[in-house]
PDB file of N, CA and C in Angstrom:
ATOM      1  N   UNK A   1       0.745  -1.220  -0.055  1.00  0.00           N
ATOM      2  CA  UNK A   1       0.183  -0.024   0.043  1.00  0.00           C
ATOM      3  C   UNK A   1       0.881   1.112   0.079  1.00  0.00           C
ATOM      4  N   UNK A   2       0.621   2.237  -0.781  1.00  0.00           N
ATOM      5  CA  UNK A   2       1.398   3.298  -1.018  1.00  0.00           C
ATOM      6  C   UNK A   2       1.014   4.427   0.410  1.00  0.00           C
ATOM      7  N   UNK A   3       2.013   4.821   1.131  1.00  0.00           N
ATOM      8  CA  UNK A   3       1.865   5.880   1.958  1.00  0.00           C
ATOM      9  C   UNK A   3       1.770   6.965   1.340  1.00  0.00           C
ATOM     10  N   UNK A   4       0.952   8.160   1.901  1.00  0.00           N
ATOM     11  CA  UNK A   4       1.032   9.278   1.281  1.00  0.00           C
ATOM     12  C   UNK A   4       1.498  10.503   2.614  1.00  0.00           C
ATOM     13  N   UNK A   5       2.297  11.441   1.813  1.00  0.00           N
ATOM     14  CA  UNK A   5       2.957  12.017   2.851  1.00  0.00           C
ATOM     15  C   UNK A   5       2.431  13.657   2.837  1.00  0.00           C
ATOM     16  N   UNK A   6       2.136  14.173   3.701  1.00  0.00           N
ATOM     17  CA  UNK A   6       1.475  15.380   3.809  1.00  0.00           C
ATOM     18  C   UNK A   6       2.126  16.587   4.283  1.00  0.00           C
ATOM     19  N   UNK A   7       1.833  17.585   4.106  1.00  0.00           N
ATOM     20  CA  UNK A   7       2.925  18.846   4.983  1.00  0.00           C
ATOM     21  C   UNK A   7       1.653  19.853   5.057  1.00  0.00           C
ATOM     22  N   UNK A   8       1.857  20.690   6.209  1.00  0.00           N
ATOM     23  CA  UNK A   8       0.682  21.829   6.865  1.00  0.00           C
ATOM     24  C   UNK A   8       1.003  22.922   5.621  1.00  0.00           C
ATOM     25  N   UNK A   9      -0.151  23.337   5.457  1.00  0.00           N
ATOM     26  CA  UNK A   9      -0.220  24.681   4.599  1.00  0.00           C
ATOM     27  C   UNK A   9       0.132  25.776   5.604  1.00  0.00           C
ATOM     28  N   UNK A  10       0.413  26.973   5.149  1.00  0.00           N
ATOM     29  CA  UNK A  10       0.718  28.163   6.078  1.00  0.00           C
ATOM     30  C   UNK A  10      -1.020  28.246   6.776  1.00  0.00           C
ATOM     31  N   UNK A  11      -1.494  28.478   6.266  1.00  0.00           N
ATOM     32  CA  UNK A  11      -2.982  28.632   6.878  1.00  0.00           C
ATOM     33  C   UNK A  11      -3.490  27.689   7.783  1.00  0.00           C
ATOM     34  N   UNK A  12      -3.196  26.544   7.621  1.00  0.00           N
ATOM     35  CA  UNK A  12      -3.243  25.368   8.863  1.00  0.00           C
ATOM     36  C   UNK A  12      -2.477  25.578  10.045  1.00  0.00           C
ATOM     37  N   UNK A  13      -1.100  25.935   9.525  1.00  0.00           N
ATOM     38  CA  UNK A  13       0.038  26.422  10.928  1.00  0.00           C
ATOM     39  C   UNK A  13      -0.562  27.754  11.481  1.00  0.00           C
ATOM     40  N   UNK A  14      -1.375  28.665  10.951  1.00  0.00           N
ATOM     41  CA  UNK A  14      -1.533  29.781  11.681  1.00  0.00           C
ATOM     42  C   UNK A  14      -2.664  29.603  12.727  1.00  0.00           C
ATOM     43  N   UNK A  15      -3.753  28.794  11.828  1.00  0.00           N
ATOM     44  CA  UNK A  15      -5.065  28.136  12.710  1.00  0.00           C
ATOM     45  C   UNK A  15      -4.602  27.737  14.001  1.00  0.00           C
ATOM     46  N   UNK A  16      -3.752  26.801  13.822  1.00  0.00           N
ATOM     47  CA  UNK A  16      -3.209  25.889  14.633  1.00  0.00           C
ATOM     48  C   UNK A  16      -2.700  26.958  15.917  1.00  0.00           C
ATOM     49  N   UNK A  17      -1.842  27.612  15.736  1.00  0.00           N
ATOM     50  CA  UNK A  17      -0.914  28.786  16.418  1.00  0.00           C
ATOM     51  C   UNK A  17      -1.828  29.402  17.171  1.00  0.00           C
ATOM     52  N   UNK A  18      -2.741  30.147  16.594  1.00  0.00           N
ATOM     53  CA  UNK A  18      -4.082  31.017  17.097  1.00  0.00           C
ATOM     54  C   UNK A  18      -4.764  30.118  18.033  1.00  0.00           C
ATOM     55  N   UNK A  19      -5.108  28.809  17.529  1.00  0.00           N
ATOM     56  CA  UNK A  19      -5.993  27.951  18.750  1.00  0.00           C
ATOM     57  C   UNK A  19      -5.101  27.689  20.040  1.00  0.00           C
ATOM     58  N   UNK A  20      -3.833  27.388  19.731  1.00  0.00           N
ATOM     59  CA  UNK A  20      -3.100  26.980  20.750  1.00  0.00           C
ATOM     60  C   UNK A  20      -2.767  27.973  21.741  1.00  0.00           C
ATOM     61  N   UNK A  21      -2.897  29.276  21.452  1.00  0.00           N
ATOM     62  CA  UNK A  21      -2.616  30.519  22.385  1.00  0.00           C
ATOM     63  C   UNK A  21      -3.853  30.919  22.978  1.00  0.00           C
ATOM     64  N   UNK A  22      -5.225  30.625  22.481  1.00  0.00           N
ATOM     65  CA  UNK A  22      -5.948  30.476  23.035  1.00  0.00           C
ATOM     66  C   UNK A  22      -6.083  29.270  24.444  1.00  0.00           C
ATOM     67  N   UNK A  23      -5.619  28.420  24.084  1.00  0.00           N
ATOM     68  CA  UNK A  23      -5.727  27.133  25.190  1.00  0.00           C
ATOM     69  C   UNK A  23      -4.621  27.867  26.389  1.00  0.00           C
ATOM     70  N   UNK A  24      -3.223  28.056  25.832  1.00  0.00           N
ATOM     71  CA  UNK A  24      -2.269  28.723  27.125  1.00  0.00           C
ATOM     72  C   UNK A  24      -2.773  29.748  27.435  1.00  0.00           C
ATOM     73  N   UNK A  25      -3.464  30.611  27.051  1.00  0.00           N
ATOM     74  CA  UNK A  25      -3.883  32.048  27.708  1.00  0.00           C
ATOM     75  C   UNK A  25      -5.022  31.772  28.780  1.00  0.00           C
ATOM     76  N   UNK A  26      -5.677  30.664  28.664  1.00  0.00           N
ATOM     77  CA  UNK A  26      -6.697  30.195  29.398  1.00  0.00           C
ATOM     78  C   UNK A  26      -6.055  29.383  30.660  1.00  0.00           C
ATOM     79  N   UNK A  27      -5.212  28.701  30.185  1.00  0.00           N
ATOM     80  CA  UNK A  27      -4.586  27.875  31.289  1.00  0.00           C
ATOM     81  C   UNK A  27      -3.861  28.954  32.149  1.00  0.00           C
ATOM     82  N   UNK A  28      -2.997  29.781  31.553  1.00  0.00           N
ATOM     83  CA  UNK A  28      -2.231  30.939  32.382  1.00  0.00           C
ATOM     84  C   UNK A  28      -3.582  31.441  33.494  1.00  0.00           C
ATOM     85  N   UNK A  29      -4.448  32.000  32.631  1.00  0.00           N
ATOM     86  CA  UNK A  29      -5.271  32.896  33.682  1.00  0.00           C
ATOM     87  C   UNK A  29      -5.930  32.261  34.502  1.00  0.00           C
ATOM     88  N   UNK A  30      -6.296  30.756  34.227  1.00  0.00           N
ATOM     89  CA  UNK A  30      -7.284  29.846  35.517  1.00  0.00           C
ATOM     90  C   UNK A  30      -6.234  29.529  36.546  1.00  0.00           C
ATOM     91  N   UNK A  31      -4.905  29.357  36.156  1.00  0.00           N
ATOM     92  CA  UNK A  31      -3.928  28.828  37.218  1.00  0.00           C
ATOM     93  C   UNK A  31      -3.651  30.030  38.043  1.00  0.00           C
ATOM     94  N   UNK A  32      -3.196  31.440  37.570  1.00  0.00           N
ATOM     95  CA  UNK A  32      -2.883  32.593  38.224  1.00  0.00           C
ATOM     96  C   UNK A  32      -3.916  33.147  39.041  1.00  0.00           C
ATOM     97  N   UNK A  33      -5.324  33.036  38.522  1.00  0.00           N
ATOM     98  CA  UNK A  33      -6.315  33.591  39.123  1.00  0.00           C
ATOM     99  C   UNK A  33      -6.824  32.244  40.396  1.00  0.00           C
ATOM    100  N   UNK A  34      -6.690  31.131  40.298  1.00  0.00           N
ATOM    101  CA  UNK A  34      -7.091  30.072  41.191  1.00  0.00           C
ATOM    102  C   UNK A  34      -5.815  30.047  42.406  1.00  0.00           C
ATOM    103  N   UNK A  35      -4.815  30.588  42.074  1.00  0.00           N
ATOM    104  CA  UNK A  35      -3.880  30.758  43.023  1.00  0.00           C
ATOM    105  C   UNK A  35      -3.627  31.966  43.818  1.00  0.00           C
ATOM    106  N   UNK A  36      -3.901  32.886  43.250  1.00  0.00           N
ATOM    107  CA  UNK A  36      -3.568  34.364  44.161  1.00  0.00           C
ATOM    108  C   UNK A  36      -4.762  35.410  43.556  1.00  0.00           C
ATOM    109  N   UNK A  37      -5.289  35.309  42.465  1.00  0.00           N
ATOM    110  CA  UNK A  37      -5.952  36.525  42.172  1.00  0.00           C
ATOM    111  C   UNK A  37      -5.161  37.617  41.765  1.00  0.00           C
ATOM    112  N   UNK A  38      -3.685  37.664  41.628  1.00  0.00           N
ATOM    113  CA  UNK A  38      -2.963  38.472  41.759  1.00  0.00           C
ATOM    114  C   UNK A  38      -2.152  38.379  40.794  1.00  0.00           C
ATOM    115  N   UNK A  39      -2.243  39.702  39.901  1.00  0.00           N
ATOM    116  CA  UNK A  39      -1.216  39.679  38.597  1.00  0.00           C
ATOM    117  C   UNK A  39       0.482  39.377  39.016  1.00  0.00           C
ATOM    118  N   UNK A  40       0.613  39.890  40.046  1.00  0.00           N
ATOM    119  CA  UNK A  40       2.440  39.722  40.245  1.00  0.00           C
ATOM    120  C   UNK A  40       2.579  38.358  40.577  1.00  0.00           C
ATOM    121  N   UNK A  41       1.763  37.566  41.129  1.00  0.00           N
ATOM    122  CA  UNK A  41       1.689  36.319  41.480  1.00  0.00           C
ATOM    123  C   UNK A  41       1.859  35.299  40.119  1.00  0.00           C
ATOM    124  N   UNK A  42       1.730  36.003  38.927  1.00  0.00           N
ATOM    125  CA  UNK A  42       1.560  35.079  37.965  1.00  0.00           C
ATOM    126  C   UNK A  42       3.294  34.581  37.607  1.00  0.00           C
ATOM    127  N   UNK A  43       4.308  35.359  37.760  1.00  0.00           N
ATOM    128  CA  UNK A  43       5.768  35.039  37.827  1.00  0.00           C
ATOM    129  C   UNK A  43       5.870  33.968  38.513  1.00  0.00           C
ATOM    130  N   UNK A  44       5.629  33.773  39.928  1.00  0.00           N
ATOM    131  CA  UNK A  44       5.843  32.792  40.914  1.00  0.00           C
ATOM    132  C   UNK A  44       5.434  31.431  40.135  1.00  0.00           C
ATOM    133  N   UNK A  45       3.837  31.567  39.523  1.00  0.00           N
ATOM    134  CA  UNK A  45       3.136  30.227  39.045  1.00  0.00           C
ATOM    135  C   UNK A  45       3.939  29.862  37.723  1.00  0.00           C
ATOM    136  N   UNK A  46       4.572  30.481  37.181  1.00  0.00           N
ATOM    137  CA  UNK A  46       5.143  30.087  35.795  1.00  0.00           C
ATOM    138  C   UNK A  46       5.711  28.781  35.302  1.00  0.00           C
ATOM    139  N   UNK A  47       6.186  28.343  36.381  1.00  0.00           N
ATOM    140  CA  UNK A  47       6.624  26.915  36.593  1.00  0.00           C
ATOM    141  C   UNK A  47       5.385  25.974  36.504  1.00  0.00           C
ATOM    142  N   UNK A  48       4.309  26.276  37.291  1.00  0.00           N
ATOM    143  CA  UNK A  48       3.367  25.236  37.050  1.00  0.00           C
ATOM    144  C   UNK A  48       2.728  25.444  35.591  1.00  0.00           C
ATOM    145  N   UNK A  49       2.562  26.599  35.339  1.00  0.00           N
ATOM    146  CA  UNK A  49       2.033  26.764  33.975  1.00  0.00           C
ATOM    147  C   UNK A  49       2.793  26.065  32.765  1.00  0.00           C
ATOM    148  N   UNK A  50       4.197  26.097  32.874  1.00  0.00           N
ATOM    149  CA  UNK A  50       4.883  25.631  31.866  1.00  0.00           C
ATOM    150  C   UNK A  50       4.500  24.044  31.819  1.00  0.00           C
ATOM    151  N   UNK A  51       4.781  23.646  32.949  1.00  0.00           N
ATOM    152  CA  UNK A  51       4.528  22.302  33.309  1.00  0.00           C
ATOM    153  C   UNK A  51       3.275  21.326  32.711  1.00  0.00           C
ATOM    154  N   UNK A  52       2.168  22.193  32.686  1.00  0.00           N
ATOM    155  CA  UNK A  52       0.707  21.893  32.569  1.00  0.00           C
ATOM    156  C   UNK A  52       0.663  22.367  30.933  1.00  0.00           C
ATOM    157  N   UNK A  53       1.278  23.482  30.695  1.00  0.00           N
ATOM    158  CA  UNK A  53       1.607  23.772  29.068  1.00  0.00           C
ATOM    159  C   UNK A  53       2.204  22.700  28.213  1.00  0.00           C
ATOM    160  N   UNK A  54       3.119  22.201  28.574  1.00  0.00           N
ATOM    161  CA  UNK A  54       4.109  21.249  27.866  1.00  0.00           C
ATOM    162  C   UNK A  54       2.756  19.694  27.604  1.00  0.00           C
ATOM    163  N   UNK A  55       2.399  19.668  28.787  1.00  0.00           N
ATOM    164  CA  UNK A  55       1.169  18.194  28.459  1.00  0.00           C
ATOM    165  C   UNK A  55       0.231  19.052  27.452  1.00  0.00           C
ATOM    166  N   UNK A  56      -0.311  20.144  27.947  1.00  0.00           N
ATOM    167  CA  UNK A  56      -1.797  20.330  26.904  1.00  0.00           C
ATOM    168  C   UNK A  56      -1.345  20.548  25.609  1.00  0.00           C
ATOM    169  N   UNK A  57       0.027  20.858  25.319  1.00  0.00           N
ATOM    170  CA  UNK A  57       0.347  21.188  24.106  1.00  0.00           C
ATOM    171  C   UNK A  57       0.771  19.916  23.080  1.00  0.00           C
ATOM    172  N   UNK A  58       1.108  18.887  23.969  1.00  0.00           N
ATOM    173  CA  UNK A  58       1.369  17.473  23.422  1.00  0.00           C
ATOM    174  C   UNK A  58      -0.007  16.948  22.983  1.00  0.00           C
ATOM    175  N   UNK A  59      -0.972  16.955  23.791  1.00  0.00           N
ATOM    176  CA  UNK A  59      -2.588  16.285  23.732  1.00  0.00           C
ATOM    177  C   UNK A  59      -2.861  17.386  22.467  1.00  0.00           C
ATOM    178  N   UNK A  60      -3.244  18.651  22.424  1.00  0.00           N
ATOM    179  CA  UNK A  60      -3.493  19.226  21.216  1.00  0.00           C
ATOM    180  C   UNK A  60      -2.691  19.183  19.937  1.00  0.00           C
ATOM    181  N   UNK A  61      -1.434  19.172  19.849  1.00  0.00           N
ATOM    182  CA  UNK A  61      -0.764  18.358  18.623  1.00  0.00           C
ATOM    183  C   UNK A  61      -1.340  17.156  18.408  1.00  0.00           C
ATOM    184  N   UNK A  62      -1.419  16.347  19.313  1.00  0.00           N
ATOM    185  CA  UNK A  62      -1.871  14.900  18.887  1.00  0.00           C
ATOM    186  C   UNK A  62      -3.374  14.798  18.334  1.00  0.00           C
ATOM    187  N   UNK A  63      -4.215  15.748  18.837  1.00  0.00           N
ATOM    188  CA  UNK A  63      -5.744  15.772  18.334  1.00  0.00           C
ATOM    189  C   UNK A  63      -5.445  16.381  17.119  1.00  0.00           C
ATOM    190  N   UNK A  64      -4.585  17.868  16.794  1.00  0.00           N
ATOM    191  CA  UNK A  64      -4.739  18.152  15.513  1.00  0.00           C
ATOM    192  C   UNK A  64      -4.237  17.240  14.281  1.00  0.00           C
ATOM    193  N   UNK A  65      -3.417  16.404  14.779  1.00  0.00           N
ATOM    194  CA  UNK A  65      -2.521  15.354  13.930  1.00  0.00           C
ATOM    195  C   UNK A  65      -3.560  14.572  12.943  1.00  0.00           C
ATOM    196  N   UNK A  66      -4.949  14.139  13.948  1.00  0.00           N
ATOM    197  CA  UNK A  66      -5.951  13.548  13.588  1.00  0.00           C
ATOM    198  C   UNK A  66      -6.805  14.349  12.696  1.00  0.00           C
ATOM    199  N   UNK A  67      -6.590  15.611  12.466  1.00  0.00           N
ATOM    200  CA  UNK A  67      -7.696  16.392  11.741  1.00  0.00           C
ATOM    201  C   UNK A  67      -7.152  16.477  10.042  1.00  0.00           C
ATOM    202  N   UNK A  68      -7.810  16.087   9.209  1.00  0.00           N
ATOM    203  CA  UNK A  68      -6.978  16.526   7.740  1.00  0.00           C
ATOM    204  C   UNK A  68      -7.390  17.524   7.287  1.00  0.00           C
ATOM    205  N   UNK A  69      -8.376  18.468   7.692  1.00  0.00           N
ATOM    206  CA  UNK A  69      -8.499  19.979   7.170  1.00  0.00           C
ATOM    207  C   UNK A  69      -7.490  20.349   6.943  1.00  0.00           C
ATOM    208  N   UNK A  70      -7.283  21.000   5.813  1.00  0.00           N
ATOM    209  CA  UNK A  70      -5.948  21.928   5.220  1.00  0.00           C
ATOM    210  C   UNK A  70      -4.688  21.086   4.792  1.00  0.00           C
ATOM    211  N   UNK A  71      -4.644  19.783   5.077  1.00  0.00           N
ATOM    212  CA  UNK A  71      -3.322  18.899   4.726  1.00  0.00           C
ATOM    213  C   UNK A  71      -3.357  18.889   3.396  1.00  0.00           C
ATOM    214  N   UNK A  72      -2.254  18.889   2.683  1.00  0.00           N
ATOM    215  CA  UNK A  72      -2.356  18.900   1.244  1.00  0.00           C
ATOM    216  C   UNK A  72      -1.227  17.841   0.666  1.00  0.00           C
ATOM    217  N   UNK A  73      -1.117  17.212  -0.071  1.00  0.00           N
ATOM    218  CA  UNK A  73      -0.337  16.149  -0.714  1.00  0.00           C
ATOM    219  C   UNK A  73       1.082  17.305  -1.221  1.00  0.00           C
ATOM    220  N   UNK A  74       2.117  16.899  -0.492  1.00  0.00           N
ATOM    221  CA  UNK A  74       3.456  17.731  -0.913  1.00  0.00           C
ATOM    222  C   UNK A  74       3.455  18.029  -2.452  1.00  0.00           C
ATOM    223  N   UNK A  75       3.148  16.996  -3.267  1.00  0.00           N
ATOM    224  CA  UNK A  75       3.603  17.248  -4.806  1.00  0.00           C
ATOM    225  C   UNK A  75       2.521  18.147  -5.241  1.00  0.00           C
ATOM    226  N   UNK A  76       1.541  18.702  -4.807  1.00  0.00           N
ATOM    227  CA  UNK A  76       0.640  19.574  -5.277  1.00  0.00           C
ATOM    228  C   UNK A  76       0.952  21.047  -4.829  1.00  0.00           C
ATOM    229  N   UNK A  77       1.762  21.159  -4.019  1.00  0.00           N
ATOM    230  CA  UNK A  77       2.443  22.684  -3.357  1.00  0.00           C
ATOM    231  C   UNK A  77       3.570  22.879  -4.380  1.00  0.00           C
TER     232      UNK A  77
END
């Protein structure tokens, strides 16, 4: 069976970037607010946000990997 190789279009990469920023911003806001309610405390919580963000980003990428929207065959670009 022939294996097809896909590359992401710039449009797909942009949408993924924007969707990730929404996720990351929401996580940062929720963690900061739930821990302190204080903007200055966000610096202290950055380690927590980083750990959560790594896991969330990995799961996000794996989910997007199964979405075929805007994927194109490399030979068509």
